[in-house]
Protein backbone atom coordinates (compact mmCIF):
# COMPACT_ATOMS: atom_id res chain seq x y z
CA MET A 1 0.00 0.00 0.00
CA ALA A 2 3.00 2.26 -0.26
CA ASP A 3 2.10 3.44 -3.75
CA CYS A 4 -0.47 6.15 -4.44
CA SER A 5 -2.65 4.18 -6.87
CA THR A 6 -6.26 3.40 -6.07
CA SER A 7 -7.23 -0.25 -6.47
CA VAL A 8 -10.58 -2.01 -6.89
CA GLN A 9 -10.14 -3.26 -3.34
CA ASP A 10 -9.77 0.33 -2.10
CA LEU A 11 -13.09 1.24 -3.70
CA SER A 12 -14.75 -1.93 -2.38
CA ALA A 13 -13.50 -1.13 1.13
CA ILE A 14 -14.79 2.44 0.86
CA ASP A 15 -18.17 1.16 -0.33
CA ALA A 16 -18.36 -1.34 2.56
CA LEU A 17 -17.33 1.26 5.17
CA THR A 18 -19.86 3.72 3.72
CA HIS A 19 -22.63 1.21 4.47
CA ILE A 20 -21.13 0.41 7.89
CA PHE A 21 -20.89 4.07 8.88
CA ASN A 22 -24.38 4.73 7.54
CA LEU A 23 -26.06 1.76 9.26
CA GLY A 24 -23.88 1.21 12.29
CA LEU A 25 -23.01 4.76 13.25
CA SER A 26 -26.17 6.48 11.97
CA GLN A 27 -24.38 8.78 9.56
CA LYS A 28 -26.17 10.23 6.55
CA PRO A 29 -25.23 8.47 3.26
CA GLN A 30 -23.39 11.45 1.78
CA THR A 31 -21.48 12.07 5.00
CA ALA A 32 -20.68 8.36 5.36
CA LEU A 33 -19.08 8.24 1.89
CA GLY A 34 -16.77 11.14 2.73
CA ALA A 35 -15.95 9.58 6.10
CA ALA A 36 -15.10 6.19 4.58
CA ALA A 37 -12.92 7.67 1.81
CA TYR A 38 -11.09 9.94 4.23
CA TYR A 39 -10.46 7.11 6.74
CA ILE A 40 -9.06 4.67 4.15
CA PHE A 41 -6.80 7.16 2.36
CA TYR A 42 -5.56 8.83 5.54
CA ILE A 43 -4.17 5.51 6.77
CA LYS A 44 -2.95 4.43 3.34
CA TYR A 45 -1.03 7.63 2.54
CA PHE A 46 0.03 8.69 6.05
CA PRO A 47 1.70 11.12 6.63
CA THR A 48 -0.48 13.18 4.31
CA ASN A 49 -2.51 16.38 4.14
CA PHE A 50 -6.13 17.15 3.38
CA GLU A 51 -5.45 18.38 -0.16
CA LYS A 52 -3.78 15.12 -1.18
CA ILE A 53 -6.65 13.01 0.17
CA LEU A 54 -9.18 15.22 -1.61
CA LYS A 55 -7.24 14.94 -4.89
CA VAL A 56 -7.27 11.13 -4.67
CA VAL A 57 -10.98 11.02 -3.84
CA LYS A 58 -11.87 13.40 -6.68
CA GLY A 59 -9.96 11.15 -9.07
CA GLU A 60 -12.32 8.29 -8.23
CA ILE A 61 -15.57 10.13 -7.43
CA PRO A 62 -16.36 12.93 -9.92
CA LYS A 63 -17.73 16.20 -8.53
CA PHE A 64 -16.82 15.18 -4.98
CA SER A 65 -16.42 18.37 -2.94
CA GLY A 66 -14.01 19.33 -0.22
CA SER A 67 -16.92 20.24 2.07
CA ARG A 68 -18.23 16.65 1.92
CA LEU A 69 -14.79 15.34 2.83
CA ARG A 70 -14.55 17.78 5.74
CA LEU A 71 -18.00 16.74 6.97
CA GLY A 72 -16.88 13.11 6.77
CA ARG A 73 -13.74 13.87 8.77
CA ARG A 74 -15.84 15.70 11.36
CA GLN A 75 -18.23 12.75 11.66
CA LEU A 76 -15.32 10.35 12.15
CA LEU A 77 -14.27 12.39 15.19
CA ILE A 78 -17.81 12.46 16.62
CA ASP A 79 -18.25 8.71 16.14
CA GLY A 80 -14.87 7.87 17.67
CA VAL A 81 -13.21 6.48 14.52
CA ILE A 82 -10.43 9.07 14.74
CA ALA A 83 -8.97 11.26 17.49
CA GLN A 84 -7.62 14.75 16.91
CA ILE A 85 -4.11 15.39 18.18
CA LEU A 86 -3.71 18.65 20.08
CA PRO A 87 -0.17 19.81 19.24
CA LEU A 88 2.04 21.58 21.72
CA ILE A 89 2.93 24.27 19.21
CA ASP A 90 0.83 26.56 17.04
CA TYR A 91 0.45 24.46 13.90
CA GLU A 92 -1.58 27.20 12.20
CA LYS A 93 1.58 29.26 11.74
CA PRO A 94 2.79 29.25 8.11
CA LEU A 95 6.30 28.19 9.15
CA PHE A 96 4.97 25.10 10.88
CA LYS A 97 2.61 24.23 8.03
CA LYS A 98 5.48 24.44 5.54
CA ALA A 99 7.67 22.09 7.60
CA PHE A 100 4.93 19.83 8.95
CA GLY A 101 1.87 20.34 6.77
CA ARG A 102 -0.15 17.20 7.44
CA GLU A 103 -3.30 15.98 9.13
CA LEU A 104 -2.82 15.46 12.88
CA LEU A 105 -5.15 12.55 13.63
CA LEU A 106 -5.00 9.15 15.32
CA PRO A 107 -7.31 6.68 13.54
CA ALA A 108 -8.79 3.70 15.32
CA ASP A 109 -7.52 0.25 14.39
CA PRO A 110 -9.08 -0.55 10.97
CA LYS A 111 -9.28 -4.30 11.66
CA ALA A 112 -11.14 -3.66 14.93
CA ILE A 113 -13.60 -1.35 13.15
CA TRP A 114 -14.13 -3.91 10.39
CA GLU A 115 -14.59 -6.90 12.72
CA THR A 116 -16.94 -5.00 15.03
CA TYR A 117 -19.30 -3.68 12.37
CA LYS A 118 -18.99 -5.90 9.28
CA ASN A 119 -22.10 -7.90 10.22
CA ARG A 120 -24.04 -4.72 9.37
CA LEU A 121 -23.40 -5.52 5.72
CA ASP A 122 -25.89 -8.38 5.97
CA ASN A 123 -28.57 -5.66 5.81
CA VAL A 124 -27.10 -4.39 2.52
CA TYR A 125 -25.94 -7.41 0.50
CA MET A 126 -27.94 -10.58 0.01
CA CYS A 127 -24.55 -12.10 -0.73
CA MET A 128 -21.21 -10.36 -0.67
CA PRO A 129 -20.17 -9.23 -4.19
CA GLU A 130 -16.92 -10.65 -5.55
CA PRO A 131 -14.70 -7.56 -4.89
CA ALA A 132 -16.00 -7.28 -1.33
CA SER A 133 -15.42 -10.96 -0.53
CA GLY A 134 -11.69 -10.30 -0.13
CA LEU A 135 -12.11 -7.45 2.33
CA ASP A 136 -10.89 -9.52 5.30
CA ALA A 137 -7.51 -9.77 3.57
CA TYR A 138 -7.68 -6.09 2.61
CA PHE A 139 -8.20 -4.97 6.21
CA ASN A 140 -5.42 -7.30 7.37
CA ASN A 141 -3.12 -5.51 4.94
CA LEU A 142 -4.45 -2.10 6.01
CA LEU A 143 -3.76 -3.10 9.62
CA ARG A 144 -0.13 -3.80 8.70
CA VAL A 145 0.19 -0.29 7.24
CA TYR A 146 -1.57 1.11 10.31
CA ASN A 147 0.88 -0.61 12.69
CA GLU A 148 3.86 0.64 10.68
CA ASN A 149 2.65 4.24 11.03
CA PHE A 150 0.86 4.41 14.37
CA SER A 151 2.83 2.21 16.76
CA PRO A 152 4.23 4.31 19.66
CA GLU A 153 7.77 4.35 18.25
CA LYS A 154 6.77 5.20 14.68
CA MET A 155 4.16 7.68 15.84
CA TYR A 156 6.69 9.73 17.79
CA GLU A 157 9.10 9.61 14.85
CA LYS A 158 6.44 11.12 12.55
CA LEU A 159 4.52 13.30 15.00
CA GLY A 160 7.26 14.20 17.45
CA GLN A 161 7.12 17.91 16.71
CA CYS A 162 3.53 17.98 17.96
CA MET A 163 3.74 15.98 21.18
CA GLU A 164 5.70 15.34 24.33
CA GLU A 165 7.81 12.22 24.23
CA ARG A 166 5.53 9.19 24.58
CA ASN A 167 2.56 11.36 25.67
CA ILE A 168 -0.16 12.58 23.29
CA SER A 169 -2.84 15.15 24.04
CA ALA A 170 -6.01 14.56 22.02
CA ASN A 171 -9.69 15.35 21.51
CA PHE A 172 -11.80 12.20 21.04
CA SER A 173 -15.09 10.40 21.60
CA ALA A 174 -15.71 7.33 23.77
CA PRO A 175 -15.73 4.61 21.04
CA TRP A 176 -12.19 5.60 20.04
CA VAL A 177 -10.97 4.65 23.53
CA LEU A 178 -12.86 1.34 23.49
CA CYS A 179 -11.48 0.50 20.03
CA SER A 180 -7.92 1.27 21.23
CA LEU A 181 -8.41 -1.03 24.24
CA LEU A 182 -9.86 -3.77 22.03
CA SER A 183 -7.07 -3.65 19.45
CA ASN A 184 -4.33 -3.88 22.10
CA ALA A 185 -5.92 -6.24 24.63
CA LYS A 186 -4.91 -9.90 24.61
CA GLU A 187 -5.47 -13.01 26.72
CA GLY A 188 -4.59 -12.25 30.33
CA SER A 189 -4.67 -8.45 29.89
CA THR A 190 -6.43 -6.28 32.45
CA VAL A 191 -8.46 -3.28 31.32
CA SER A 192 -9.12 -0.84 34.18
CA MET A 193 -11.67 1.92 33.61
CA MET A 194 -13.09 4.64 35.82
CA LEU A 195 -16.42 6.00 34.54
CA ARG A 196 -19.06 8.29 35.97
CA GLY A 197 -22.03 6.02 35.25
CA THR A 198 -23.36 3.29 32.98
CA ARG A 199 -23.91 5.40 29.86
CA ALA A 200 -20.75 3.75 28.52
CA PHE A 201 -22.80 0.55 28.13
CA ASP A 202 -25.29 2.03 25.67
CA VAL A 203 -25.97 0.03 22.51
CA VAL A 204 -23.32 1.66 20.30
CA HIS A 205 -20.56 0.59 22.72
CA LYS A 206 -21.64 -2.89 23.82
CA GLY A 207 -19.84 -4.88 21.12
CA TYR A 208 -16.46 -3.56 22.24
CA TYR A 209 -16.77 -4.83 25.83
CA GLU A 210 -17.83 -8.31 24.76
CA ARG A 211 -15.05 -8.60 22.17
CA ILE A 212 -12.45 -7.52 24.75
CA LEU A 213 -13.70 -10.27 27.08
CA GLU A 214 -13.83 -12.82 24.25
CA LYS A 215 -10.11 -12.24 23.73
CA GLY A 216 -9.52 -13.52 27.27
CA ALA A 217 -8.91 -10.13 28.90
CA ASN A 218 -10.27 -8.98 32.26
CA ILE A 219 -12.24 -5.77 32.82
CA ASP A 220 -12.31 -3.81 36.10
CA LEU A 221 -14.93 -1.05 36.10
CA LEU A 222 -15.16 1.65 38.74
CA LEU A 223 -18.40 3.64 38.47
CA GLY A 224 -18.67 7.06 40.03
CA ARG A 225 -22.42 6.97 40.53
CA LYS A 226 -25.06 4.30 41.15
CA ASP A 227 -26.92 4.65 37.88
CA GLN A 228 -29.53 1.92 37.35
CA ARG A 229 -29.51 2.25 33.57
CA GLN A 230 -27.78 -0.66 31.85
CA LEU A 231 -27.24 -2.58 35.11
CA ASN A 232 -29.03 -5.53 33.54
CA TYR A 233 -26.39 -5.57 30.82
CA ILE A 234 -23.62 -5.46 33.42
CA GLY A 235 -25.33 -8.43 35.08
CA TYR A 236 -25.30 -10.24 31.73
CA LEU A 237 -21.54 -9.64 31.39
CA LYS A 238 -20.88 -10.84 34.94
CA GLU A 239 -22.92 -14.00 34.43
CA THR A 240 -21.53 -14.75 30.96
CA TYR A 241 -17.86 -14.04 31.63
CA ASP A 242 -17.83 -14.94 35.33
CA LYS A 243 -14.74 -13.60 37.13
CA SER A 244 -13.43 -11.70 34.10
CA VAL A 245 -15.70 -8.73 34.93
CA ARG A 246 -15.57 -6.83 38.22
CA VAL A 247 -17.74 -3.77 38.83
CA ARG A 248 -17.53 -1.45 41.84
CA TYR A 249 -19.08 1.85 42.96
CA THR A 250 -17.27 4.67 44.69
CA PRO A 251 -18.65 5.20 48.23
CA GLU A 252 -19.98 8.66 47.35
CA GLU A 253 -21.52 9.82 44.09
CA ASN A 254 -18.81 11.40 41.98
CA ARG A 255 -19.91 14.36 39.87
CA GLU A 256 -16.46 15.06 38.46
CA SER A 257 -15.85 14.74 34.74
CA SER A 258 -12.62 12.72 35.06
CA ARG A 259 -12.27 9.44 33.12
CA ILE A 260 -9.43 6.90 33.40
CA ALA A 261 -8.52 3.90 31.25
CA VAL A 262 -5.43 1.71 31.77
CA LEU A 263 -4.33 -1.34 29.77
CA ASP A 264 -1.61 -3.30 31.59
CA ASP A 265 1.60 -1.28 31.23
CA LEU A 266 1.01 -0.52 27.53
CA PHE A 267 -0.82 2.80 27.85
CA ALA A 268 -3.07 4.86 30.11
CA LEU A 269 -5.58 7.58 29.35
CA ASP A 270 -6.52 10.41 31.69
CA SER A 271 -9.31 12.60 30.30
CA ARG A 272 -12.12 15.03 31.03
CA LYS A 273 -15.62 15.05 29.59
CA MET A 274 -16.36 18.27 27.74
CA LEU A 275 -19.58 19.74 26.37
CA PRO A 276 -21.26 17.43 23.83
CA GLN A 277 -20.55 17.93 20.14
CA THR A 278 -23.79 16.17 19.26
CA ARG A 279 -26.70 14.77 21.21
CA ARG A 280 -25.39 11.27 20.59
CA GLU A 281 -21.83 11.50 21.80
CA PRO A 282 -19.93 13.71 24.24
CA SER A 283 -16.42 14.86 23.50
CA TYR A 284 -13.36 14.32 25.66
CA ILE A 285 -10.04 16.08 26.10
CA GLY A 286 -7.26 13.93 27.51
CA THR A 287 -3.71 12.69 27.38
CA LEU A 288 -2.64 9.27 26.17
CA TYR A 289 0.41 8.11 28.13
CA TYR A 290 2.97 5.58 26.90
CA ASP A 291 5.56 6.53 29.53
CA LYS A 292 5.86 3.69 32.08
CA ASP A 293 6.14 5.99 35.12
CA CYS A 294 3.01 7.92 34.11
CA ILE A 295 1.12 4.68 33.54
CA ALA A 296 2.15 3.44 36.99
CA ASP A 297 0.98 6.68 38.66
CA ILE A 298 -2.44 6.51 37.00
CA ARG A 299 -2.80 2.82 37.85
CA ASN A 300 -1.91 3.51 41.51
CA ASN A 301 -4.59 6.23 41.64
CA PHE A 302 -7.11 3.79 40.21
CA GLU A 303 -6.18 1.08 42.71
CA ASP A 304 -6.47 3.51 45.65
CA MET A 305 -10.02 4.44 44.57
CA TRP A 306 -10.81 0.76 43.92
CA ALA A 307 -9.81 -0.12 47.51
CA MET A 308 -12.30 2.43 48.91
CA SER A 309 -15.20 1.28 46.69
CA HIS A 310 -17.73 -1.51 47.12
CA GLU A 311 -18.67 -4.22 44.65
CA ILE A 312 -22.11 -4.46 43.13
CA SER A 313 -23.65 -7.90 43.65
CA MET A 314 -25.80 -9.95 41.31
CA ARG A 315 -28.57 -9.65 43.90
CA GLU A 316 -28.58 -5.86 43.53
CA ILE A 317 -28.67 -6.19 39.76
CA ASN A 318 -31.48 -8.75 39.78
CA GLU A 319 -33.60 -6.50 41.98
CA ILE A 320 -33.39 -3.65 39.48
CA LYS A 321 -36.64 -2.98 37.63
CA PRO A 322 -36.92 -0.91 34.46
CA SER A 323 -38.07 2.68 34.93
CA TRP A 324 -41.32 1.91 33.10
CA TRP A 325 -42.14 -1.15 35.24
CA ASN A 326 -45.41 -1.00 37.18
CA PRO A 327 -46.54 -4.09 39.14
CA LEU A 328 -50.23 -3.27 38.62
CA LYS A 329 -49.92 -2.78 34.86
CA SER A 330 -47.79 -5.90 34.48
CA ARG A 331 -50.51 -8.22 35.75
CA ARG A 332 -52.17 -10.19 32.98
CA PRO A 333 -55.99 -9.97 32.74
CA LEU A 334 -57.89 -12.96 33.97
CA ARG A 335 -59.27 -15.32 31.35
CA TRP A 336 -62.87 -16.46 31.83
């Protein structure tokens, strides 16, 4: 994928991702096409700039506008498919643009995106067309290119002017974090997360948790408030994956906007919830740490809060009733 030519497989992948983004992430069709094209070509041609991506897309899709591509890029950020790097220097200055004129984004793992959402294509194709049937191999190859460009060592080599060594400040949405945890978790890994409530278990996120557990990893969840929403789903995870899932509540309701995620000693994320960009997904500002000492500090903070918390039992979960439940209305009428 080092060359700049566009193959039939590229176009098939863009078509498949357009349907995935449209059906799975509720994007509009025109926005989804721009998002899919931008995502594929950003990874394929990295490091690159917006003008180069637009030129490639226009070569394949006549009358495709820059505004559509920008809307697609924006939607990728909202849906958590990319994160926006926040550079430490003013990259709007002409001198910086001349020396470092490129897009400053961290895309989610393409194989994880594909594996999580490809079943959505069943709603589009009665049977997969011939070019699309080889997309598993295509995304394996795209993953290789992704790893060559976005591993911690390579990333600092190519983005070092915009970040502290082994620490990256970014703006992102929640699915981007879950996808990063999924793509790096393995059997025996421990994913530690501190959340405010159970909104993180809404439908759009559920597949990530189950796929992390299916890989043989463990999940420790520390919730900052006793929110009854989605507790039934947490009960399902605890029953299905037994001791691989542990969920605790802090002793007092936590109204802070802090969020923490730690994966072994590979990376840690310390972030704050900001005002929502859309009604569907809030936005976060945080720092992704690859430095071992920083990871250890964040993990120690998590473990201190974990020690003061209390575990939620299956009995508590089983006693939860939906907000609409009414014992009088639930009684069936007598049959005469």
